[in-house]
Protein backbone atom coordinates (compact mmCIF):
# COMPACT_ATOMS: atom_id res chain seq x y z
CA MET A 1 62.95 -19.10 -32.21
CA PHE A 2 61.96 -15.76 -33.69
CA GLU A 3 59.58 -13.26 -32.14
CA THR A 4 56.31 -13.55 -34.02
CA PHE A 5 54.70 -10.47 -35.52
CA ASP A 6 57.54 -8.05 -34.86
CA SER A 7 56.28 -4.74 -36.27
CA LYS A 8 59.75 -3.95 -37.66
CA LYS A 9 59.54 -6.79 -40.21
CA SER A 10 58.08 -6.52 -43.71
CA ARG A 11 54.30 -6.74 -43.89
CA TYR A 12 52.14 -7.61 -46.85
CA ALA A 13 48.63 -8.53 -47.91
CA SER A 14 47.99 -11.09 -50.63
CA VAL A 15 46.39 -10.15 -53.93
CA GLY A 16 43.21 -11.94 -52.81
CA VAL A 17 43.03 -9.91 -49.61
CA VAL A 18 43.78 -6.60 -51.34
CA SER A 19 41.06 -7.27 -53.90
CA SER A 20 38.44 -8.23 -51.29
CA LEU A 21 39.07 -5.88 -48.32
CA PRO A 22 39.44 -2.12 -48.11
CA GLY A 23 42.85 -0.84 -47.02
CA GLU A 24 41.58 0.41 -43.67
CA LEU A 25 40.51 -3.12 -42.68
CA ILE A 26 43.87 -4.55 -43.73
CA ASP A 27 45.63 -1.86 -41.69
CA SER A 28 43.29 -2.60 -38.77
CA ILE A 29 44.53 -6.19 -38.62
CA TRP A 30 48.12 -4.98 -38.17
CA TYR A 31 46.96 -2.43 -35.54
CA ILE A 32 45.05 -5.13 -33.65
CA ILE A 33 48.14 -7.36 -33.63
CA ASP A 34 50.45 -4.54 -32.51
CA LEU A 35 48.20 -2.71 -30.04
CA ASP A 36 45.78 -5.32 -28.71
CA LEU A 37 47.52 -8.70 -28.93
CA LYS A 38 51.32 -8.31 -28.69
CA GLY A 39 52.39 -8.51 -25.07
CA LEU A 40 48.96 -9.68 -23.93
CA ILE A 41 49.13 -13.29 -25.08
CA PRO A 42 51.80 -15.45 -26.73
CA LEU A 43 51.20 -15.39 -30.48
CA ASP A 44 51.67 -18.31 -32.84
CA ASN A 45 52.88 -17.67 -36.36
CA MET A 46 49.31 -18.11 -37.71
CA LEU A 47 46.47 -15.90 -36.46
CA SER A 48 42.85 -16.11 -37.53
CA PHE A 49 40.44 -13.19 -37.89
CA ASP A 50 36.73 -13.71 -38.59
CA LEU A 51 34.92 -10.72 -40.07
CA ILE A 52 31.53 -10.42 -38.43
CA ASN A 53 28.58 -8.17 -39.26
CA ASN A 54 27.81 -6.23 -36.10
CA ASN A 55 24.78 -4.07 -36.92
CA GLY A 56 26.31 -2.97 -40.21
CA ARG A 57 29.81 -2.46 -38.81
CA VAL A 58 32.79 -4.83 -38.79
CA THR A 59 33.84 -6.82 -35.75
CA MET A 60 37.15 -8.67 -36.09
CA GLN A 61 37.11 -11.88 -34.03
CA PHE A 62 40.67 -12.99 -33.24
CA SER A 63 41.60 -16.59 -32.46
CA GLN A 64 44.51 -18.95 -32.87
CA GLU A 65 44.77 -22.72 -32.99
CA ASP A 66 45.48 -24.52 -29.69
CA ASN A 67 44.58 -21.46 -27.62
CA ASP A 68 41.28 -20.73 -25.91
CA VAL A 69 41.79 -16.96 -26.00
CA GLU A 70 39.47 -15.16 -28.39
CA MET A 71 38.88 -11.46 -28.73
CA GLY A 72 36.34 -9.42 -30.67
CA ILE A 73 37.34 -5.93 -31.72
CA ASP A 74 34.60 -3.60 -32.97
CA LEU A 75 35.71 -1.35 -35.81
CA PRO A 76 34.09 1.83 -37.13
CA PHE A 77 34.00 0.54 -40.72
CA GLY A 78 30.94 -0.57 -42.64
CA PHE A 79 30.42 -4.29 -43.20
CA SER A 80 29.88 -5.80 -46.65
CA ASN A 81 28.68 -9.30 -47.49
CA GLU A 82 31.39 -9.24 -50.17
CA PHE A 83 34.11 -9.38 -47.49
CA PRO A 84 35.71 -12.77 -46.86
CA GLN A 85 34.40 -14.48 -43.73
CA GLU A 86 37.90 -15.17 -42.48
CA VAL A 87 41.48 -14.03 -43.07
CA TYR A 88 44.78 -15.19 -41.62
CA ALA A 89 47.90 -13.33 -40.59
CA TYR A 90 50.99 -15.49 -41.15
CA ASP A 91 54.55 -14.81 -39.97
CA ASP A 92 57.22 -16.96 -41.66
CA GLY A 93 60.06 -15.41 -39.66
CA SER A 94 61.13 -12.87 -42.25
CA ARG A 95 57.86 -11.38 -43.47
CA GLN A 96 54.25 -11.23 -42.41
CA THR A 97 51.31 -11.64 -44.76
CA ILE A 98 47.54 -11.43 -44.50
CA LEU A 99 46.01 -14.24 -46.56
CA LEU A 100 42.65 -15.73 -47.48
CA PRO A 101 41.96 -19.31 -46.34
CA SER A 102 42.27 -20.54 -49.94
CA GLU A 103 45.74 -19.00 -50.16
CA ILE A 104 46.94 -20.79 -47.01
CA ARG A 105 46.39 -24.17 -48.63
CA GLN A 106 48.67 -23.11 -51.49
CA ARG A 107 51.67 -22.56 -49.19
C-alpha cells in the first residue's frame, strides 16, 4: 500500500479544473491536504472538496467516502458562481490530480 497524497509526488490539475478555478484555489487544495489533513485523519485516494459561497468568500468543504469526518476551511479568495460546485483530488499511487466530477467518470 502506498502513502496517499505524499507531497513529494507529482501533482497536477486537469484542463477542466485549470479553466474553471484560479491558480490560488488550486494551490489551496494542495495546502489543505498537506497542512490540515495529512496526519490528522487517514486519507483515501479520492478526496472531495465542495466550493461554498461564504459571504462572497470561498469555503472549501472537505469530505471523503466512507468517513464521517468533514472539515470546512475558509479561504481569503472571492467566490464566483462560475466555479464548479465540487472538485476531487485523486492519488493513483504515482501522481495526484485535481479533477472535476465529470472527469472522474472518464477514468
